[in-house]
N, C-alpha and C. Protein backbone atom coordinates (compact mmCIF):
# COMPACT_ATOMS: atom_id res chain seq x y z
N MET A 1 0.84 -1.17 0.00
CA MET A 1 0.00 0.00 0.00
C MET A 1 0.89 1.24 0.00
N ALA A 2 0.39 2.30 -0.62
CA ALA A 2 1.12 3.56 -0.66
C ALA A 2 1.25 4.14 0.74
N GLU A 3 2.41 4.66 1.03
CA GLU A 3 2.62 5.28 2.32
C GLU A 3 2.43 6.77 2.18
N LEU A 4 1.62 7.35 3.03
CA LEU A 4 1.35 8.78 2.98
C LEU A 4 2.43 9.52 3.75
N ILE A 5 3.30 10.19 3.02
CA ILE A 5 4.36 10.99 3.63
C ILE A 5 4.15 12.42 3.15
N LEU A 6 3.83 13.29 4.09
CA LEU A 6 3.55 14.68 3.74
C LEU A 6 4.76 15.55 3.98
N THR A 7 4.92 16.56 3.12
CA THR A 7 5.96 17.56 3.35
C THR A 7 5.49 18.47 4.49
N GLU A 8 6.39 19.23 5.05
CA GLU A 8 6.01 20.17 6.11
C GLU A 8 5.01 21.19 5.57
N GLU A 9 5.17 21.58 4.32
CA GLU A 9 4.25 22.54 3.69
C GLU A 9 2.85 21.94 3.59
N GLU A 10 2.75 20.66 3.22
CA GLU A 10 1.45 19.99 3.12
C GLU A 10 0.81 19.84 4.50
N LYS A 11 1.61 19.50 5.50
CA LYS A 11 1.08 19.37 6.86
C LYS A 11 0.51 20.70 7.36
N ALA A 12 1.12 21.80 6.97
CA ALA A 12 0.70 23.12 7.43
C ALA A 12 -0.42 23.72 6.58
N ALA A 13 -0.71 23.09 5.45
CA ALA A 13 -1.72 23.63 4.54
C ALA A 13 -3.10 23.67 5.19
N PRO A 14 -3.87 24.71 4.93
CA PRO A 14 -5.19 24.82 5.54
C PRO A 14 -6.21 23.80 5.00
N THR A 15 -5.98 23.28 3.80
CA THR A 15 -6.90 22.30 3.22
C THR A 15 -6.11 21.27 2.42
N TYR A 16 -6.80 20.17 2.10
CA TYR A 16 -6.20 19.14 1.25
C TYR A 16 -5.96 19.66 -0.15
N LEU A 17 -6.65 20.70 -0.55
CA LEU A 17 -6.52 21.24 -1.90
C LEU A 17 -5.12 21.79 -2.16
N GLU A 18 -4.37 22.03 -1.11
CA GLU A 18 -3.00 22.53 -1.25
C GLU A 18 -2.00 21.39 -1.49
N TRP A 19 -2.42 20.15 -1.28
CA TRP A 19 -1.52 19.01 -1.45
C TRP A 19 -1.31 18.72 -2.92
N ASP A 20 -0.18 18.07 -3.24
CA ASP A 20 0.02 17.66 -4.63
C ASP A 20 -0.82 16.41 -4.92
N ASP A 21 -0.98 16.11 -6.20
CA ASP A 21 -1.85 15.01 -6.61
C ASP A 21 -1.39 13.66 -6.06
N ASP A 22 -0.08 13.46 -5.95
CA ASP A 22 0.44 12.20 -5.43
C ASP A 22 0.02 12.00 -3.98
N ALA A 23 0.15 13.05 -3.17
CA ALA A 23 -0.25 12.95 -1.75
C ALA A 23 -1.75 12.73 -1.64
N LEU A 24 -2.54 13.41 -2.46
CA LEU A 24 -4.00 13.21 -2.43
C LEU A 24 -4.37 11.79 -2.81
N GLY A 25 -3.71 11.27 -3.83
CA GLY A 25 -3.98 9.89 -4.25
C GLY A 25 -3.66 8.89 -3.16
N LYS A 26 -2.56 9.11 -2.46
CA LYS A 26 -2.19 8.21 -1.36
C LYS A 26 -3.19 8.30 -0.22
N LEU A 27 -3.69 9.51 0.06
CA LEU A 27 -4.70 9.67 1.10
C LEU A 27 -5.96 8.90 0.75
N VAL A 28 -6.42 9.03 -0.49
CA VAL A 28 -7.62 8.31 -0.92
C VAL A 28 -7.40 6.80 -0.82
N LYS A 29 -6.24 6.33 -1.25
CA LYS A 29 -5.94 4.90 -1.21
C LYS A 29 -5.90 4.38 0.23
N LYS A 30 -5.27 5.13 1.11
CA LYS A 30 -5.18 4.71 2.51
C LYS A 30 -6.57 4.69 3.15
N THR A 31 -7.37 5.72 2.89
CA THR A 31 -8.73 5.78 3.43
C THR A 31 -9.59 4.67 2.86
N ALA A 32 -9.47 4.41 1.57
CA ALA A 32 -10.24 3.35 0.93
C ALA A 32 -9.91 1.99 1.56
N ALA A 33 -8.65 1.76 1.84
CA ALA A 33 -8.25 0.49 2.45
C ALA A 33 -8.86 0.34 3.85
N LYS A 34 -8.89 1.44 4.61
CA LYS A 34 -9.48 1.39 5.95
C LYS A 34 -10.97 1.08 5.90
N LEU A 35 -11.64 1.59 4.87
CA LEU A 35 -13.09 1.40 4.76
C LEU A 35 -13.46 0.23 3.85
N HIS A 36 -12.46 -0.53 3.41
CA HIS A 36 -12.68 -1.68 2.52
C HIS A 36 -13.45 -1.26 1.27
N ASP A 37 -13.04 -0.13 0.71
CA ASP A 37 -13.67 0.45 -0.47
C ASP A 37 -12.65 0.38 -1.62
N GLU A 38 -12.77 -0.65 -2.44
CA GLU A 38 -11.72 -0.91 -3.42
C GLU A 38 -11.53 0.18 -4.46
N TYR A 39 -12.53 1.02 -4.71
CA TYR A 39 -12.39 2.06 -5.71
C TYR A 39 -12.12 3.43 -5.11
N GLY A 40 -12.31 3.59 -3.80
CA GLY A 40 -12.01 4.85 -3.14
C GLY A 40 -13.12 5.88 -3.21
N ARG A 41 -14.12 5.65 -4.02
CA ARG A 41 -15.18 6.64 -4.20
C ARG A 41 -15.95 6.87 -2.90
N GLU A 42 -16.43 5.80 -2.29
CA GLU A 42 -17.22 5.94 -1.07
C GLU A 42 -16.36 6.50 0.06
N SER A 43 -15.10 6.12 0.10
CA SER A 43 -14.20 6.62 1.13
C SER A 43 -14.04 8.13 1.03
N ALA A 44 -13.84 8.61 -0.18
CA ALA A 44 -13.68 10.05 -0.38
C ALA A 44 -14.96 10.78 0.00
N PHE A 45 -16.11 10.25 -0.38
CA PHE A 45 -17.39 10.89 -0.03
C PHE A 45 -17.59 10.88 1.48
N ALA A 46 -17.27 9.75 2.12
CA ALA A 46 -17.46 9.65 3.57
C ALA A 46 -16.58 10.66 4.30
N MET A 47 -15.32 10.75 3.94
CA MET A 47 -14.42 11.69 4.60
C MET A 47 -14.84 13.13 4.33
N THR A 48 -15.31 13.41 3.12
CA THR A 48 -15.79 14.76 2.80
C THR A 48 -16.98 15.11 3.68
N GLY A 49 -17.92 14.18 3.83
CA GLY A 49 -19.08 14.41 4.67
C GLY A 49 -18.70 14.66 6.12
N VAL A 50 -17.78 13.86 6.62
CA VAL A 50 -17.33 14.02 8.00
C VAL A 50 -16.68 15.39 8.19
N HIS A 51 -15.86 15.79 7.25
CA HIS A 51 -15.20 17.09 7.37
C HIS A 51 -16.21 18.24 7.30
N LEU A 52 -17.24 18.10 6.50
CA LEU A 52 -18.28 19.13 6.45
C LEU A 52 -18.99 19.24 7.80
N LEU A 53 -19.35 18.11 8.39
CA LEU A 53 -20.00 18.13 9.70
C LEU A 53 -19.07 18.70 10.77
N LEU A 54 -17.82 18.30 10.75
CA LEU A 54 -16.85 18.83 11.72
C LEU A 54 -16.66 20.33 11.55
N GLY A 55 -16.58 20.78 10.30
CA GLY A 55 -16.43 22.21 10.04
C GLY A 55 -17.59 23.01 10.59
N THR A 56 -18.81 22.47 10.46
CA THR A 56 -19.99 23.13 11.00
C THR A 56 -19.91 23.21 12.52
N ALA A 57 -19.52 22.14 13.15
CA ALA A 57 -19.40 22.12 14.62
C ALA A 57 -18.32 23.08 15.09
N ILE A 58 -17.19 23.09 14.42
CA ILE A 58 -16.07 23.96 14.80
C ILE A 58 -16.46 25.43 14.63
N THR A 59 -17.13 25.75 13.52
CA THR A 59 -17.58 27.12 13.29
C THR A 59 -18.54 27.58 14.38
N ALA A 60 -19.37 26.66 14.86
CA ALA A 60 -20.32 26.98 15.93
C ALA A 60 -19.66 26.93 17.31
N ASN A 61 -18.37 26.64 17.35
CA ASN A 61 -17.62 26.52 18.61
C ASN A 61 -18.24 25.47 19.53
N ALA A 62 -18.74 24.39 18.94
CA ALA A 62 -19.37 23.32 19.71
C ALA A 62 -18.35 22.22 20.01
N THR A 63 -18.51 21.58 21.15
CA THR A 63 -17.68 20.42 21.47
C THR A 63 -18.43 19.13 21.19
N GLU A 64 -19.74 19.26 20.96
CA GLU A 64 -20.56 18.10 20.60
C GLU A 64 -21.68 18.58 19.69
N SER A 65 -22.01 17.76 18.71
CA SER A 65 -23.06 18.11 17.76
C SER A 65 -23.80 16.83 17.37
N THR A 66 -25.12 16.90 17.36
CA THR A 66 -25.93 15.73 17.03
C THR A 66 -26.87 16.06 15.87
N TYR A 67 -26.94 15.16 14.92
CA TYR A 67 -27.82 15.29 13.76
C TYR A 67 -28.77 14.10 13.76
N THR A 68 -30.07 14.36 13.69
CA THR A 68 -31.08 13.30 13.67
C THR A 68 -31.72 13.26 12.29
N ILE A 69 -31.78 12.07 11.72
CA ILE A 69 -32.40 11.88 10.41
C ILE A 69 -33.48 10.81 10.58
N ASP A 70 -34.71 11.24 10.49
CA ASP A 70 -35.85 10.32 10.64
C ASP A 70 -36.35 9.91 9.26
N GLY A 71 -36.58 8.63 9.09
CA GLY A 71 -37.16 8.12 7.85
C GLY A 71 -36.27 8.30 6.63
N LEU A 72 -35.00 8.02 6.78
CA LEU A 72 -34.07 8.13 5.65
C LEU A 72 -34.46 7.18 4.54
N THR A 73 -34.47 7.67 3.32
CA THR A 73 -34.67 6.81 2.15
C THR A 73 -33.55 7.09 1.16
N ILE A 74 -33.10 6.06 0.50
CA ILE A 74 -32.09 6.18 -0.55
C ILE A 74 -32.65 5.47 -1.77
N ALA A 75 -32.75 6.20 -2.86
CA ALA A 75 -33.31 5.68 -4.11
C ALA A 75 -34.67 5.04 -3.86
N GLY A 76 -35.46 5.68 -3.00
CA GLY A 76 -36.81 5.20 -2.73
C GLY A 76 -36.92 4.06 -1.74
N GLU A 77 -35.78 3.57 -1.25
CA GLU A 77 -35.80 2.47 -0.28
C GLU A 77 -35.61 3.00 1.13
N PRO A 78 -36.48 2.61 2.07
CA PRO A 78 -36.33 3.07 3.45
C PRO A 78 -35.07 2.49 4.09
N LYS A 79 -34.34 3.36 4.80
CA LYS A 79 -33.10 2.93 5.46
C LYS A 79 -33.14 3.13 6.96
N GLY A 80 -34.29 3.58 7.50
CA GLY A 80 -34.44 3.70 8.95
C GLY A 80 -34.17 5.09 9.47
N ASP A 81 -34.16 5.19 10.79
CA ASP A 81 -33.89 6.43 11.50
C ASP A 81 -32.44 6.41 11.98
N TRP A 82 -31.80 7.57 11.95
CA TRP A 82 -30.38 7.65 12.28
C TRP A 82 -30.09 8.83 13.19
N ILE A 83 -29.09 8.67 14.03
CA ILE A 83 -28.54 9.76 14.82
C ILE A 83 -27.02 9.76 14.59
N VAL A 84 -26.50 10.89 14.18
CA VAL A 84 -25.06 11.05 13.98
C VAL A 84 -24.58 12.02 15.05
N THR A 85 -23.62 11.59 15.85
CA THR A 85 -23.11 12.43 16.93
C THR A 85 -21.62 12.64 16.75
N LEU A 86 -21.21 13.89 16.82
CA LEU A 86 -19.79 14.26 16.80
C LEU A 86 -19.43 14.75 18.20
N LYS A 87 -18.29 14.34 18.69
CA LYS A 87 -17.86 14.77 20.01
C LYS A 87 -16.35 14.99 20.01
N ARG A 88 -15.94 16.17 20.39
CA ARG A 88 -14.51 16.44 20.48
C ARG A 88 -13.95 15.66 21.66
N VAL A 89 -12.89 14.91 21.44
CA VAL A 89 -12.32 14.10 22.52
C VAL A 89 -11.09 14.75 23.15
N ASN A 90 -10.49 15.70 22.45
CA ASN A 90 -9.43 16.49 23.06
C ASN A 90 -9.28 17.80 22.29
N ALA A 91 -8.88 18.83 22.97
CA ALA A 91 -8.71 20.14 22.35
C ALA A 91 -7.25 20.32 21.95
N PRO A 92 -7.04 21.12 20.93
CA PRO A 92 -5.64 21.36 20.50
C PRO A 92 -4.85 22.14 21.53
């Protein structure tokens, strides 16, 4: 598996968009392997979603944030009720 080695500039970058394509590709591959997603598509979407939720919580200066989704359907199929909870476990 590709090893993700970031330059100091990439580590300090405010977003992944500042990384070079090789580093981004390695990140997607590493994340895909963790999520058992052989193509990386779902892994990238999942991480993007998580970062969006975290960004919202951080902007609100929250240490915990809960999202409730009742009656979720995907492509017309019911998927149940869900609660997504984010909780900061340590501060910088």
